[in-house]
C-alpha atoms as a PDB file:
ATOM      1  CA  MET A   1       0.000   0.000   0.000  1.00  0.00           C
ATOM      2  CA  THR A   2       1.352   3.409  -0.872  1.00  0.00           C
ATOM      3  CA  ALA A   3       0.732   6.655   0.957  1.00  0.00           C
ATOM      4  CA  MET A   4      -1.760   7.607  -1.750  1.00  0.00           C
ATOM      5  CA  GLU A   5      -3.808   4.414  -1.192  1.00  0.00           C
ATOM      6  CA  GLN A   6      -4.240   4.876   2.559  1.00  0.00           C
ATOM      7  CA  PRO A   7      -7.657   5.875   3.869  1.00  0.00           C
ATOM      8  CA  ALA A   8      -7.885   9.608   4.552  1.00  0.00           C
ATOM      9  CA  GLU A   9      -9.144   9.014   8.090  1.00  0.00           C
ATOM     10  CA  ASP A  10      -6.083   6.973   9.096  1.00  0.00           C
ATOM     11  CA  ALA A  11      -3.888   9.257  11.208  1.00  0.00           C
ATOM     12  CA  PHE A  12      -0.977   6.802  10.900  1.00  0.00           C
ATOM     13  CA  HIS A  13       0.261   7.634   7.404  1.00  0.00           C
ATOM     14  CA  PHE A  14       3.601   8.519   5.843  1.00  0.00           C
ATOM     15  CA  TYR A  15       5.093  11.727   7.281  1.00  0.00           C
ATOM     16  CA  ALA A  16       2.453  11.963  10.020  1.00  0.00           C
ATOM     17  CA  GLU A  17       3.898  13.505  13.160  1.00  0.00           C
ATOM     18  CA  VAL A  18       3.540  11.228  16.171  1.00  0.00           C
ATOM     19  CA  ARG A  19       4.400  11.318  19.852  1.00  0.00           C
ATOM     20  CA  ILE A  20       5.933   8.217  21.392  1.00  0.00           C
ATOM     21  CA  THR A  21       3.670   7.525  24.349  1.00  0.00           C
ATOM     22  CA  ASP A  22       5.030   4.271  25.683  1.00  0.00           C
ATOM     23  CA  SER A  23       7.639   1.823  24.486  1.00  0.00           C
ATOM     24  CA  PRO A  24       8.853  -0.964  26.762  1.00  0.00           C
ATOM     25  CA  ARG A  25      11.771  -1.564  24.375  1.00  0.00           C
ATOM     26  CA  ARG A  26      12.773   2.127  24.225  1.00  0.00           C
ATOM     27  CA  PRO A  27      11.497   3.835  27.415  1.00  0.00           C
ATOM     28  CA  GLU A  28      13.976   6.704  27.010  1.00  0.00           C
ATOM     29  CA  LEU A  29      12.018   7.866  23.942  1.00  0.00           C
ATOM     30  CA  ALA A  30       8.667   8.306  25.727  1.00  0.00           C
ATOM     31  CA  GLY A  31       7.314  11.791  25.095  1.00  0.00           C
ATOM     32  CA  ARG A  32       9.524  12.442  22.054  1.00  0.00           C
ATOM     33  CA  LEU A  33       8.157  13.554  18.683  1.00  0.00           C
ATOM     34  CA  GLY A  34       8.948  12.092  15.303  1.00  0.00           C
ATOM     35  CA  ALA A  35       7.456  11.280  11.908  1.00  0.00           C
ATOM     36  CA  ILE A  36       6.399   8.033  10.266  1.00  0.00           C
ATOM     37  CA  LEU A  37       8.798   7.203   7.437  1.00  0.00           C
ATOM     38  CA  GLY A  38       7.914   3.545   6.965  1.00  0.00           C
ATOM     39  CA  ILE A  39       4.952   1.227   7.432  1.00  0.00           C
ATOM     40  CA  THR A  40       5.165  -2.559   7.305  1.00  0.00           C
ATOM     41  CA  GLU A  41       2.735  -4.563   5.185  1.00  0.00           C
ATOM     42  CA  PRO A  42       2.251  -7.893   6.974  1.00  0.00           C
ATOM     43  CA  LYS A  43       1.047 -10.752   4.764  1.00  0.00           C
ATOM     44  CA  ASP A  44      -1.164 -12.019   7.584  1.00  0.00           C
ATOM     45  CA  PRO A  45      -4.173  -9.668   7.956  1.00  0.00           C
ATOM     46  CA  GLU A  46      -4.292 -10.512  11.662  1.00  0.00           C
ATOM     47  CA  VAL A  47      -0.856  -8.948  12.190  1.00  0.00           C
ATOM     48  CA  PRO A  48      -1.005  -5.176  12.629  1.00  0.00           C
ATOM     49  CA  PRO A  49       1.511  -2.991  10.819  1.00  0.00           C
ATOM     50  CA  ALA A  50       4.542  -1.546  12.559  1.00  0.00           C
ATOM     51  CA  TYR A  51       5.851   1.959  11.983  1.00  0.00           C
ATOM     52  CA  ALA A  52       9.374   3.225  11.351  1.00  0.00           C
ATOM     53  CA  VAL A  53       9.590   6.589  13.090  1.00  0.00           C
ATOM     54  CA  MET A  54      12.365   9.106  12.595  1.00  0.00           C
ATOM     55  CA  VAL A  55      12.619  10.475  16.106  1.00  0.00           C
ATOM     56  CA  ASP A  56      13.510  14.171  16.257  1.00  0.00           C
ATOM     57  CA  ASP A  57      17.251  14.727  16.786  1.00  0.00           C
ATOM     58  CA  TYR A  58      18.059  11.122  15.791  1.00  0.00           C
ATOM     59  CA  ASP A  59      19.573  10.139  12.452  1.00  0.00           C
ATOM     60  CA  TYR A  60      17.902   6.726  12.224  1.00  0.00           C
ATOM     61  CA  THR A  61      14.408   5.272  12.438  1.00  0.00           C
ATOM     62  CA  VAL A  62      13.031   3.267  15.343  1.00  0.00           C
ATOM     63  CA  GLN A  63      10.257   0.694  14.933  1.00  0.00           C
ATOM     64  CA  PHE A  64       7.102   1.061  17.012  1.00  0.00           C
ATOM     65  CA  GLU A  65       3.730  -0.603  17.216  1.00  0.00           C
ATOM     66  CA  ARG A  66       0.611   1.493  16.775  1.00  0.00           C
ATOM     67  CA  HIS A  67      -0.318   1.435  20.475  1.00  0.00           C
ATOM     68  CA  GLU A  68       3.058   3.009  21.326  1.00  0.00           C
ATOM     69  CA  LEU A  69       2.309   6.121  19.272  1.00  0.00           C
ATOM     70  CA  THR A  70      -0.170   8.991  19.381  1.00  0.00           C
ATOM     71  CA  PRO A  71      -0.725  11.110  16.257  1.00  0.00           C
ATOM     72  CA  THR A  72      -0.436  14.874  16.772  1.00  0.00           C
ATOM     73  CA  GLY A  73      -2.695  15.709  13.829  1.00  0.00           C
ATOM     74  CA  ARG A  74       0.157  17.453  12.018  1.00  0.00           C
ATOM     75  CA  ASP A  75       1.998  16.268   8.933  1.00  0.00           C
ATOM     76  CA  ARG A  76       5.586  16.799   7.997  1.00  0.00           C
ATOM     77  CA  LYS A  77       6.993  17.004   4.479  1.00  0.00           C
ATOM     78  CA  HIS A  78       9.007  14.607   2.378  1.00  0.00           C
ATOM     79  CA  GLU A  79      11.613  17.379   2.020  1.00  0.00           C
ATOM     80  CA  ASP A  80      12.124  17.404   5.788  1.00  0.00           C
ATOM     81  CA  TYR A  81      13.849  14.016   5.506  1.00  0.00           C
ATOM     82  CA  TYR A  82      15.079  13.480   1.950  1.00  0.00           C
END
C-alpha cells in the first residue's frame, strides 16, 4: 500500500507527526516527537503494521507498534527528511 492508497481518516500515514507515548523496548524515547517514514505490510491480515519513526534529533528510524504512538494531527513534508 502506498501513501496515496491509505484511507484519509487513518492518522498513521507517511510523514504523520507522532508522539511516542510508551515503548517498553525504548522507554527513554517516551514523550519524544517524530514522523512516520515507513509502514510494514504484513502478509497475515491478523498482524497489525509496525511503523518506522524518525525520532527528532536522531539520524535513524526506530520501529514502534501502533499502540506506542499517538498522532499529533500534524503532517511533515518529504523534504524534511530526503
